[in-house]
Protein backbone atom coordinates (compact mmCIF):
# COMPACT_ATOMS: atom_id res chain seq x y z
CA MET A 1 12.83 13.23 -7.34
CA MET A 2 9.88 11.06 -8.39
CA ARG A 3 10.87 7.42 -8.90
CA GLY A 4 7.87 5.69 -10.39
CA HIS A 5 5.37 5.20 -13.20
CA ALA A 6 3.12 8.16 -14.07
CA PHE A 7 -0.29 7.50 -15.65
CA GLN A 8 -3.94 8.58 -15.68
CA LEU A 9 -6.23 6.76 -13.27
CA HIS A 10 -9.84 7.54 -14.21
CA GLU A 11 -8.76 10.99 -15.47
CA THR A 12 -6.66 11.74 -12.38
CA PRO A 13 -2.86 11.99 -12.82
CA VAL A 14 -1.09 9.61 -10.43
CA VAL A 15 2.39 8.20 -9.90
CA ALA A 16 2.94 4.62 -8.75
CA LEU A 17 6.10 4.92 -6.69
CA ALA A 18 8.88 2.35 -6.48
CA GLU A 19 8.43 2.40 -2.69
CA ALA A 20 4.97 0.76 -3.07
CA ALA A 21 3.08 4.01 -2.49
CA LEU A 22 0.90 6.19 -4.72
CA PHE A 23 1.33 9.94 -5.24
CA LEU A 24 -1.20 12.44 -6.59
CA PRO A 25 0.79 15.41 -7.96
CA ARG A 26 -2.25 17.66 -8.39
CA THR A 27 -3.10 17.66 -4.67
CA GLN A 28 0.30 16.61 -3.29
CA THR A 29 -1.23 13.51 -1.70
CA LEU A 30 0.63 10.36 -0.64
CA ILE A 31 -1.25 7.06 -0.29
CA VAL A 32 0.01 3.94 1.47
CA SER A 33 -1.87 0.74 2.19
CA ASP A 34 -1.72 -2.15 4.63
CA LEU A 35 1.03 -0.95 6.96
CA HIS A 36 0.19 -3.73 9.44
CA PHE A 37 1.99 -2.16 12.38
CA GLU A 38 2.92 -4.74 15.05
CA LYS A 39 2.29 -7.82 12.93
CA GLY A 40 5.48 -9.33 14.33
CA SER A 41 4.37 -8.90 17.94
CA ALA A 42 0.95 -10.34 17.08
CA PHE A 43 2.65 -13.53 15.93
CA ALA A 44 4.85 -13.53 19.05
CA VAL A 45 1.74 -13.54 21.24
CA LYS A 46 0.73 -16.75 19.47
CA GLY A 47 4.17 -18.31 20.03
CA VAL A 48 5.51 -17.66 16.52
CA MET A 49 8.71 -15.73 17.07
CA LEU A 50 9.61 -13.23 14.36
CA PRO A 51 12.16 -10.39 14.52
CA PRO A 52 10.35 -7.55 16.36
CA PHE A 53 11.47 -4.81 14.00
CA ASP A 54 8.70 -4.70 11.40
CA THR A 55 7.02 -1.55 12.73
CA ALA A 56 10.31 0.34 12.98
CA GLU A 57 11.23 -0.64 9.41
CA THR A 58 7.83 0.36 8.04
CA LEU A 59 8.08 3.72 9.83
CA ARG A 60 11.60 4.23 8.48
CA ARG A 61 10.39 3.78 4.91
CA LEU A 62 7.37 6.00 5.49
CA GLU A 63 9.56 8.71 7.01
CA ALA A 64 11.87 8.63 3.99
CA LEU A 65 8.92 9.15 1.64
CA LEU A 66 7.48 11.99 3.69
CA GLU A 67 10.85 13.74 3.82
CA ARG A 68 11.39 13.37 0.08
CA LEU A 69 7.91 14.33 -1.13
CA SER A 70 6.58 16.63 1.64
CA PRO A 71 2.94 15.77 0.86
CA LYS A 72 0.08 17.97 2.02
CA VAL A 73 -2.14 14.93 2.63
CA LEU A 74 -1.37 11.36 3.72
CA ILE A 75 -4.01 8.66 3.22
CA ALA A 76 -3.53 5.25 4.87
CA LEU A 77 -5.83 2.75 3.14
CA GLY A 78 -6.72 0.53 6.08
CA ASP A 79 -5.07 -2.29 8.02
CA SER A 80 -2.57 0.23 9.28
CA PHE A 81 -2.55 -1.71 12.56
CA HIS A 82 -2.46 -5.51 12.44
CA ASP A 83 -5.10 -5.96 15.15
CA ARG A 84 -7.06 -4.05 17.78
CA GLY A 85 -4.26 -4.39 20.34
CA ALA A 86 -1.44 -3.27 18.06
CA GLY A 87 -1.55 0.34 19.23
CA ALA A 88 -0.93 -0.74 22.81
CA ARG A 89 2.00 -2.96 21.78
CA LEU A 90 3.88 -0.21 19.94
CA ALA A 91 7.27 0.52 21.43
CA GLU A 92 7.50 4.02 22.89
CA THR A 93 10.03 5.03 20.27
CA ASP A 94 7.81 3.77 17.43
CA ARG A 95 4.74 5.53 18.80
CA ALA A 96 6.70 8.77 19.15
CA LYS A 97 7.98 8.42 15.59
CA LEU A 98 4.49 7.79 14.21
CA GLU A 99 3.02 10.74 16.09
CA SER A 100 5.81 12.97 14.82
CA LEU A 101 5.32 11.87 11.21
CA ILE A 102 1.56 12.43 11.10
CA SER A 103 1.90 15.82 12.78
CA GLN A 104 3.63 17.06 9.63
CA THR A 105 0.67 16.57 7.28
CA GLN A 106 -3.08 16.13 7.12
CA THR A 107 -3.61 12.42 7.73
CA ILE A 108 -6.66 10.33 6.83
CA TRP A 109 -6.97 6.82 8.31
CA ILE A 110 -9.27 4.54 6.29
CA GLU A 111 -10.84 1.74 8.34
CA GLY A 112 -9.62 -1.77 7.53
CA ASN A 113 -10.80 -5.25 8.45
CA HIS A 114 -7.85 -5.62 10.85
CA ASP A 115 -8.28 -2.18 12.41
CA PRO A 116 -11.92 -1.05 12.30
CA GLU A 117 -11.17 1.00 15.43
CA PRO A 118 -7.68 2.57 15.28
CA PRO A 119 -6.09 3.51 18.63
CA ALA A 120 -7.88 6.35 20.43
CA TRP A 121 -4.63 8.32 20.75
CA LEU A 122 -4.06 8.37 16.99
CA ALA A 123 -4.36 11.85 15.49
CA GLY A 124 -5.96 12.48 12.12
CA GLN A 125 -9.27 12.01 10.35
CA ARG A 126 -10.94 8.57 10.37
CA ALA A 127 -13.28 7.37 7.65
CA ALA A 128 -14.70 4.20 6.09
CA GLU A 129 -13.94 5.71 2.68
CA VAL A 130 -13.14 9.12 1.28
CA GLN A 131 -13.40 10.91 -2.06
CA HIS A 132 -10.34 12.96 -2.98
CA ASP A 133 -8.97 14.41 -6.22
CA GLY A 134 -11.55 12.60 -8.36
CA LEU A 135 -10.86 9.18 -6.81
CA TRP A 136 -12.56 7.00 -4.18
CA PHE A 137 -10.33 5.59 -1.45
CA ARG A 138 -11.46 2.56 0.56
CA HIS A 139 -9.86 -0.53 2.06
CA GLU A 140 -11.57 -3.45 0.31
CA PRO A 141 -11.99 -3.27 -3.48
CA SER A 142 -15.52 -3.57 -4.86
CA GLY A 143 -14.78 -3.47 -8.58
CA GLN A 144 -17.94 -1.39 -9.03
CA VAL A 145 -16.75 2.19 -8.64
CA PRO A 146 -14.79 4.03 -11.36
CA GLY A 147 -11.78 5.70 -9.81
CA GLU A 148 -11.66 3.30 -6.87
CA VAL A 149 -8.32 2.94 -5.08
CA ALA A 150 -8.20 0.10 -2.56
CA GLY A 151 -5.82 -2.22 -0.76
CA HIS A 152 -6.58 -5.34 1.30
CA LEU A 153 -5.46 -8.01 -1.18
CA HIS A 154 -1.69 -7.32 -1.14
CA PRO A 155 -1.27 -7.93 -4.89
CA CYS A 156 1.92 -9.41 -6.27
CA ALA A 157 2.97 -10.55 -9.72
CA ARG A 158 5.29 -13.18 -11.13
CA VAL A 159 7.20 -12.77 -14.38
CA THR A 160 9.06 -15.60 -16.08
CA GLY A 161 12.07 -14.83 -18.26
CA LYS A 162 12.97 -16.36 -21.62
CA ARG A 163 15.49 -18.67 -19.95
CA GLY A 164 13.00 -19.99 -17.43
CA GLY A 165 13.95 -17.91 -14.42
CA SER A 166 11.27 -15.90 -12.67
CA ILE A 167 10.82 -13.03 -10.23
CA ARG A 168 7.93 -12.41 -7.87
CA ARG A 169 7.31 -8.99 -6.35
CA ARG A 170 4.56 -6.89 -4.83
CA CYS A 171 2.79 -4.74 -7.39
CA PHE A 172 0.04 -2.26 -8.14
CA ALA A 173 -2.82 -3.79 -10.13
CA THR A 174 -4.79 -1.52 -12.46
CA ASP A 175 -6.91 -1.41 -15.59
CA GLY A 176 -6.76 2.39 -15.76
CA ARG A 177 -10.25 2.61 -14.24
CA SER A 178 -9.44 1.41 -10.72
CA LEU A 179 -6.36 0.38 -8.77
CA ILE A 180 -5.42 -2.04 -6.00
CA MET A 181 -2.42 -0.97 -3.95
CA PRO A 182 0.48 -3.18 -2.87
CA ALA A 183 0.99 -3.65 0.86
CA PHE A 184 3.49 -1.19 2.31
CA GLY A 185 4.22 -2.99 5.59
CA ALA A 186 7.50 -4.80 6.17
CA PHE A 187 5.97 -8.18 7.13
CA THR A 188 3.17 -8.29 4.57
CA GLY A 189 2.91 -11.14 2.09
CA GLY A 190 1.45 -11.03 -1.40
CA LEU A 191 -1.41 -12.59 -3.36
CA ASN A 192 -0.75 -13.46 -7.00
CA LEU A 193 -2.95 -11.59 -9.48
CA PHE A 194 -4.16 -14.95 -10.82
CA ASP A 195 -5.81 -15.73 -7.48
CA PRO A 196 -9.63 -15.98 -7.69
CA ALA A 197 -9.87 -13.15 -5.13
CA PHE A 198 -9.18 -10.72 -8.00
CA ASP A 199 -11.93 -12.11 -10.25
CA GLY A 200 -14.45 -9.45 -11.26
CA LEU A 201 -12.55 -6.54 -9.73
CA PHE A 202 -11.39 -5.05 -13.03
CA GLN A 203 -13.43 -4.10 -16.09
CA GLY A 204 -10.55 -3.98 -18.57
CA PRO A 205 -7.14 -5.59 -19.21
CA VAL A 206 -5.01 -5.52 -16.08
CA HIS A 207 -1.45 -4.28 -15.85
CA ALA A 208 0.91 -5.02 -12.99
CA LEU A 209 3.04 -2.04 -12.03
CA MET A 210 6.00 -3.81 -10.50
CA PRO A 211 8.66 -1.93 -8.50
CA SER A 212 12.27 -3.01 -8.86
CA GLY A 213 15.55 -1.83 -7.40
CA THR A 214 16.17 0.55 -4.52
CA GLY A 215 17.37 4.10 -4.07
CA PRO A 216 18.03 6.40 -7.04
CA THR A 217 17.97 3.49 -9.52
CA ALA A 218 14.54 2.20 -8.44
CA LYS A 219 11.92 1.89 -11.20
CA VAL A 220 8.35 0.74 -11.71
CA HIS A 221 7.72 -1.53 -14.71
CA ALA A 222 4.28 -1.74 -16.38
CA ILE A 223 3.69 -5.38 -17.30
CA ALA A 224 0.64 -6.56 -19.26
CA ALA A 225 -1.39 -9.45 -17.87
CA LYS A 226 -0.43 -11.67 -20.81
CA ASN A 227 3.19 -11.54 -19.63
CA LEU A 228 2.39 -12.60 -16.05
CA THR A 229 2.42 -16.15 -14.73
CA PRO A 230 0.63 -17.85 -11.83
CA SER A 231 2.50 -18.83 -8.69
CA HIS A 232 3.61 -22.44 -8.45
């Protein structure tokens, strides 16, 4: 069952999934961005103690998607590991789970600014960017390439209701020509679409595709930029 918002991205049919991943039905490809494995342990090294379960939770969610969709190709859009030492800090159970998951499909690891050199033991293809199914996949958005799919910025959106209440959630950001993916990782924050970092990255009006709910009732809502509000 496909829980998400289907649309055309630069003439390629795609589905923005409620789980903060993208699916290409034509080639049975699953895309996730900014997994940030071992972000919690990176903070612990610096004396900031966070619950050490972020990698396990991210892998659990990824496993659920792979089991449900059985993709032929998995593309990870960079910053899959939070830093160069993250691969060595993985718990044995988490490493075994990751290796098992990527053995089930063709996996492409896009280089990110946090992980320009993924762990040597990691199976799969490595690339700075890749063209696939009429789209260009890279970590940092340029705003210059039609059909570009990128991550890096961890977009989120805020919507204010008629009674003054508001919700803030991670989102996909797209103008139909290019797309910036939400972060998939458990400990990843979000950058509001009104942040100057997004200036110049879209050629047309931007929509936020905002996931809501969980499980069978999960949905993705397309919200026009005029209905979004800045963060306080």
